């Protein structure tokens, strides 16, 4: 380990734009993906806000200074598993082409009425309503 600081003790700070790690980001994504598996019941706007946690995680994964920590590999392995589950929830074709990352580009295969209606109105794509 590079220092006495553990990855899960660090916090991502938007004010300083300095990446560091907090298990809260991983936990948020785990909870979100579980919720998406059951059927996401909110709007596309709320979805976009919630998945911002994954953008924070991406900054952490790309941070060269964090790769030196022993905990980084476990964190990355956990995120890879969550990402695989998440990717399987998206329709295979189509997408939100105006988005930067795969997690915001993807469209859930099924969701509640609000999300489904937003996707239809914005992208003319119908998904299963659950």
C-alpha atoms as a PDB file:
ATOM      1  CA  UNK A   1       0.000   0.000   0.000  1.00  0.00           C
ATOM      2  CA  UNK A   2       1.289   3.444  -0.909  1.00  0.00           C
ATOM      3  CA  UNK A   3       0.395   5.041   2.432  1.00  0.00           C
ATOM      4  CA  UNK A   4      -1.606   4.443   5.592  1.00  0.00           C
ATOM      5  CA  UNK A   5      -4.786   5.707   3.923  1.00  0.00           C
ATOM      6  CA  UNK A   6      -7.247   3.006   2.871  1.00  0.00           C
ATOM      7  CA  UNK A   7      -9.280   3.466  -0.271  1.00  0.00           C
ATOM      8  CA  UNK A   8     -12.557   3.070   1.562  1.00  0.00           C
ATOM      9  CA  UNK A   9     -11.559   5.899   3.922  1.00  0.00           C
ATOM     10  CA  UNK A  10     -11.225   8.391   1.078  1.00  0.00           C
ATOM     11  CA  UNK A  11     -14.049  10.479  -0.362  1.00  0.00           C
ATOM     12  CA  UNK A  12     -14.500  11.848  -3.861  1.00  0.00           C
ATOM     13  CA  UNK A  13     -14.543  15.613  -3.623  1.00  0.00           C
ATOM     14  CA  UNK A  14     -16.228  17.547  -6.464  1.00  0.00           C
ATOM     15  CA  UNK A  15     -14.928  20.842  -5.090  1.00  0.00           C
ATOM     16  CA  UNK A  16     -11.274  19.891  -5.455  1.00  0.00           C
ATOM     17  CA  UNK A  17     -11.825  17.662  -8.532  1.00  0.00           C
ATOM     18  CA  UNK A  18      -9.439  15.256  -6.819  1.00  0.00           C
ATOM     19  CA  UNK A  19     -10.388  11.582  -7.162  1.00  0.00           C
ATOM     20  CA  UNK A  20     -10.319   9.348  -4.133  1.00  0.00           C
ATOM     21  CA  UNK A  21     -12.441   6.390  -3.106  1.00  0.00           C
ATOM     22  CA  UNK A  22     -15.346   5.818  -0.799  1.00  0.00           C
ATOM     23  CA  UNK A  23     -17.201   2.508  -0.615  1.00  0.00           C
ATOM     24  CA  UNK A  24     -20.394   4.575  -0.667  1.00  0.00           C
ATOM     25  CA  UNK A  25     -20.065   4.962  -4.457  1.00  0.00           C
ATOM     26  CA  UNK A  26     -19.841   1.182  -4.952  1.00  0.00           C
ATOM     27  CA  UNK A  27     -22.729   0.596  -2.560  1.00  0.00           C
ATOM     28  CA  UNK A  28     -24.882   3.154  -4.376  1.00  0.00           C
ATOM     29  CA  UNK A  29     -24.313   1.416  -7.698  1.00  0.00           C
ATOM     30  CA  UNK A  30     -25.043  -1.973  -6.165  1.00  0.00           C
ATOM     31  CA  UNK A  31     -28.349  -0.668  -4.780  1.00  0.00           C
ATOM     32  CA  UNK A  32     -29.260   1.094  -8.037  1.00  0.00           C
ATOM     33  CA  UNK A  33     -28.579  -1.990 -10.146  1.00  0.00           C
ATOM     34  CA  UNK A  34     -30.667  -4.115  -7.776  1.00  0.00           C
ATOM     35  CA  UNK A  35     -33.482  -1.588  -8.071  1.00  0.00           C
ATOM     36  CA  UNK A  36     -33.157  -1.580 -11.870  1.00  0.00           C
ATOM     37  CA  UNK A  37     -33.328  -5.385 -11.905  1.00  0.00           C
ATOM     38  CA  UNK A  38     -36.647  -5.305 -10.065  1.00  0.00           C
ATOM     39  CA  UNK A  39     -38.037  -2.493 -12.242  1.00  0.00           C
ATOM     40  CA  UNK A  40     -36.992   1.113 -12.094  1.00  0.00           C
ATOM     41  CA  UNK A  41     -40.047   3.187 -11.081  1.00  0.00           C
ATOM     42  CA  UNK A  42     -38.879   6.762 -11.553  1.00  0.00           C
ATOM     43  CA  UNK A  43     -38.337   9.185 -14.452  1.00  0.00           C
ATOM     44  CA  UNK A  44     -35.412   9.301 -16.864  1.00  0.00           C
ATOM     45  CA  UNK A  45     -34.289  12.531 -15.186  1.00  0.00           C
ATOM     46  CA  UNK A  46     -34.077  10.831 -11.790  1.00  0.00           C
ATOM     47  CA  UNK A  47     -32.284   7.903 -13.424  1.00  0.00           C
ATOM     48  CA  UNK A  48     -29.683  10.252 -14.911  1.00  0.00           C
ATOM     49  CA  UNK A  49     -29.141  11.842 -11.518  1.00  0.00           C
ATOM     50  CA  UNK A  50     -28.752   8.491  -9.749  1.00  0.00           C
ATOM     51  CA  UNK A  51     -26.249   7.023 -12.166  1.00  0.00           C
ATOM     52  CA  UNK A  52     -23.900   9.945 -11.652  1.00  0.00           C
ATOM     53  CA  UNK A  53     -22.435   7.735  -8.919  1.00  0.00           C
ATOM     54  CA  UNK A  54     -21.058   5.532 -11.725  1.00  0.00           C
ATOM     55  CA  UNK A  55     -19.289   8.534 -13.255  1.00  0.00           C
ATOM     56  CA  UNK A  56     -17.548   9.125  -9.937  1.00  0.00           C
ATOM     57  CA  UNK A  57     -16.503   5.482  -9.940  1.00  0.00           C
ATOM     58  CA  UNK A  58     -15.087   5.825 -13.459  1.00  0.00           C
ATOM     59  CA  UNK A  59     -12.908   8.714 -12.321  1.00  0.00           C
ATOM     60  CA  UNK A  60     -11.654   6.537  -9.481  1.00  0.00           C
ATOM     61  CA  UNK A  61     -10.926   3.587 -11.770  1.00  0.00           C
ATOM     62  CA  UNK A  62      -8.929   5.814 -14.099  1.00  0.00           C
ATOM     63  CA  UNK A  63      -6.959   7.469 -11.311  1.00  0.00           C
ATOM     64  CA  UNK A  64      -3.296   6.388 -11.541  1.00  0.00           C
ATOM     65  CA  UNK A  65      -2.640   7.359  -7.933  1.00  0.00           C
ATOM     66  CA  UNK A  66      -5.309   4.977  -6.595  1.00  0.00           C
ATOM     67  CA  UNK A  67      -4.052   1.945  -8.535  1.00  0.00           C
ATOM     68  CA  UNK A  68      -1.186   1.606  -6.055  1.00  0.00           C
ATOM     69  CA  UNK A  69      -3.530   0.661  -3.219  1.00  0.00           C
ATOM     70  CA  UNK A  70      -4.153  -3.012  -2.441  1.00  0.00           C
ATOM     71  CA  UNK A  71      -7.868  -2.313  -2.024  1.00  0.00           C
ATOM     72  CA  UNK A  72      -8.090  -0.970  -5.574  1.00  0.00           C
ATOM     73  CA  UNK A  73      -8.087  -4.417  -7.185  1.00  0.00           C
ATOM     74  CA  UNK A  74     -10.948  -5.638  -4.996  1.00  0.00           C
ATOM     75  CA  UNK A  75     -12.873  -2.446  -5.681  1.00  0.00           C
ATOM     76  CA  UNK A  76     -12.331  -2.850  -9.434  1.00  0.00           C
ATOM     77  CA  UNK A  77     -13.395  -6.510  -9.313  1.00  0.00           C
ATOM     78  CA  UNK A  78     -16.574  -5.540  -7.422  1.00  0.00           C
ATOM     79  CA  UNK A  79     -17.358  -2.788  -9.936  1.00  0.00           C
ATOM     80  CA  UNK A  80     -16.736  -5.133 -12.877  1.00  0.00           C
ATOM     81  CA  UNK A  81     -19.310  -7.567 -11.439  1.00  0.00           C
ATOM     82  CA  UNK A  82     -21.853  -4.781 -10.858  1.00  0.00           C
ATOM     83  CA  UNK A  83     -21.224  -3.410 -14.364  1.00  0.00           C
ATOM     84  CA  UNK A  84     -21.837  -6.815 -15.929  1.00  0.00           C
ATOM     85  CA  UNK A  85     -25.210  -7.073 -14.182  1.00  0.00           C
ATOM     86  CA  UNK A  86     -26.005  -3.496 -15.186  1.00  0.00           C
ATOM     87  CA  UNK A  87     -25.095  -3.999 -18.870  1.00  0.00           C
ATOM     88  CA  UNK A  88     -27.402  -7.025 -19.025  1.00  0.00           C
ATOM     89  CA  UNK A  89     -30.342  -4.766 -18.106  1.00  0.00           C
ATOM     90  CA  UNK A  90     -30.026  -2.668 -21.282  1.00  0.00           C
ATOM     91  CA  UNK A  91     -31.717  -3.222 -24.621  1.00  0.00           C
ATOM     92  CA  UNK A  92     -29.218  -4.474 -27.176  1.00  0.00           C
ATOM     93  CA  UNK A  93     -29.877  -1.937 -29.904  1.00  0.00           C
ATOM     94  CA  UNK A  94     -30.710   1.704 -29.705  1.00  0.00           C
ATOM     95  CA  UNK A  95     -29.449   4.006 -27.083  1.00  0.00           C
ATOM     96  CA  UNK A  96     -29.287   7.533 -25.890  1.00  0.00           C
ATOM     97  CA  UNK A  97     -26.756   8.738 -28.426  1.00  0.00           C
ATOM     98  CA  UNK A  98     -26.385  12.146 -26.804  1.00  0.00           C
ATOM     99  CA  UNK A  99     -24.745  10.596 -23.717  1.00  0.00           C
ATOM    100  CA  UNK A 100     -21.035  10.121 -23.032  1.00  0.00           C
ATOM    101  CA  UNK A 101     -20.740   6.886 -21.036  1.00  0.00           C
ATOM    102  CA  UNK A 102     -22.185   3.414 -21.643  1.00  0.00           C
ATOM    103  CA  UNK A 103     -24.212   3.523 -18.395  1.00  0.00           C
ATOM    104  CA  UNK A 104     -25.987   6.700 -19.460  1.00  0.00           C
ATOM    105  CA  UNK A 105     -26.138   5.699 -23.132  1.00  0.00           C
ATOM    106  CA  UNK A 106     -27.978   2.451 -22.378  1.00  0.00           C
ATOM    107  CA  UNK A 107     -31.738   2.108 -22.112  1.00  0.00           C
ATOM    108  CA  UNK A 108     -33.231  -0.281 -19.592  1.00  0.00           C
ATOM    109  CA  UNK A 109     -35.117  -3.242 -21.132  1.00  0.00           C
ATOM    110  CA  UNK A 110     -37.992  -2.773 -18.708  1.00  0.00           C
ATOM    111  CA  UNK A 111     -39.033  -0.236 -16.102  1.00  0.00           C
ATOM    112  CA  UNK A 112     -41.977   1.548 -14.591  1.00  0.00           C
ATOM    113  CA  UNK A 113     -44.391   3.699 -16.522  1.00  0.00           C
ATOM    114  CA  UNK A 114     -42.605   7.025 -15.921  1.00  0.00           C
ATOM    115  CA  UNK A 115     -39.235   5.856 -17.250  1.00  0.00           C
ATOM    116  CA  UNK A 116     -40.844   3.968 -20.150  1.00  0.00           C
ATOM    117  CA  UNK A 117     -42.899   7.009 -21.160  1.00  0.00           C
ATOM    118  CA  UNK A 118     -39.853   9.289 -20.964  1.00  0.00           C
ATOM    119  CA  UNK A 119     -37.848   6.905 -23.173  1.00  0.00           C
ATOM    120  CA  UNK A 120     -40.667   6.739 -25.699  1.00  0.00           C
ATOM    121  CA  UNK A 121     -41.134  10.519 -25.768  1.00  0.00           C
ATOM    122  CA  UNK A 122     -37.417  11.328 -25.999  1.00  0.00           C
ATOM    123  CA  UNK A 123     -36.130   8.452 -28.183  1.00  0.00           C
ATOM    124  CA  UNK A 124     -39.211   6.848 -29.760  1.00  0.00           C
ATOM    125  CA  UNK A 125     -38.230   3.498 -28.237  1.00  0.00           C
ATOM    126  CA  UNK A 126     -40.738   1.296 -26.440  1.00  0.00           C
ATOM    127  CA  UNK A 127     -39.659  -0.810 -23.505  1.00  0.00           C
ATOM    128  CA  UNK A 128     -41.583  -3.255 -21.375  1.00  0.00           C
ATOM    129  CA  UNK A 129     -43.496  -1.635 -18.488  1.00  0.00           C
ATOM    130  CA  UNK A 130     -43.353  -3.543 -15.206  1.00  0.00           C
END
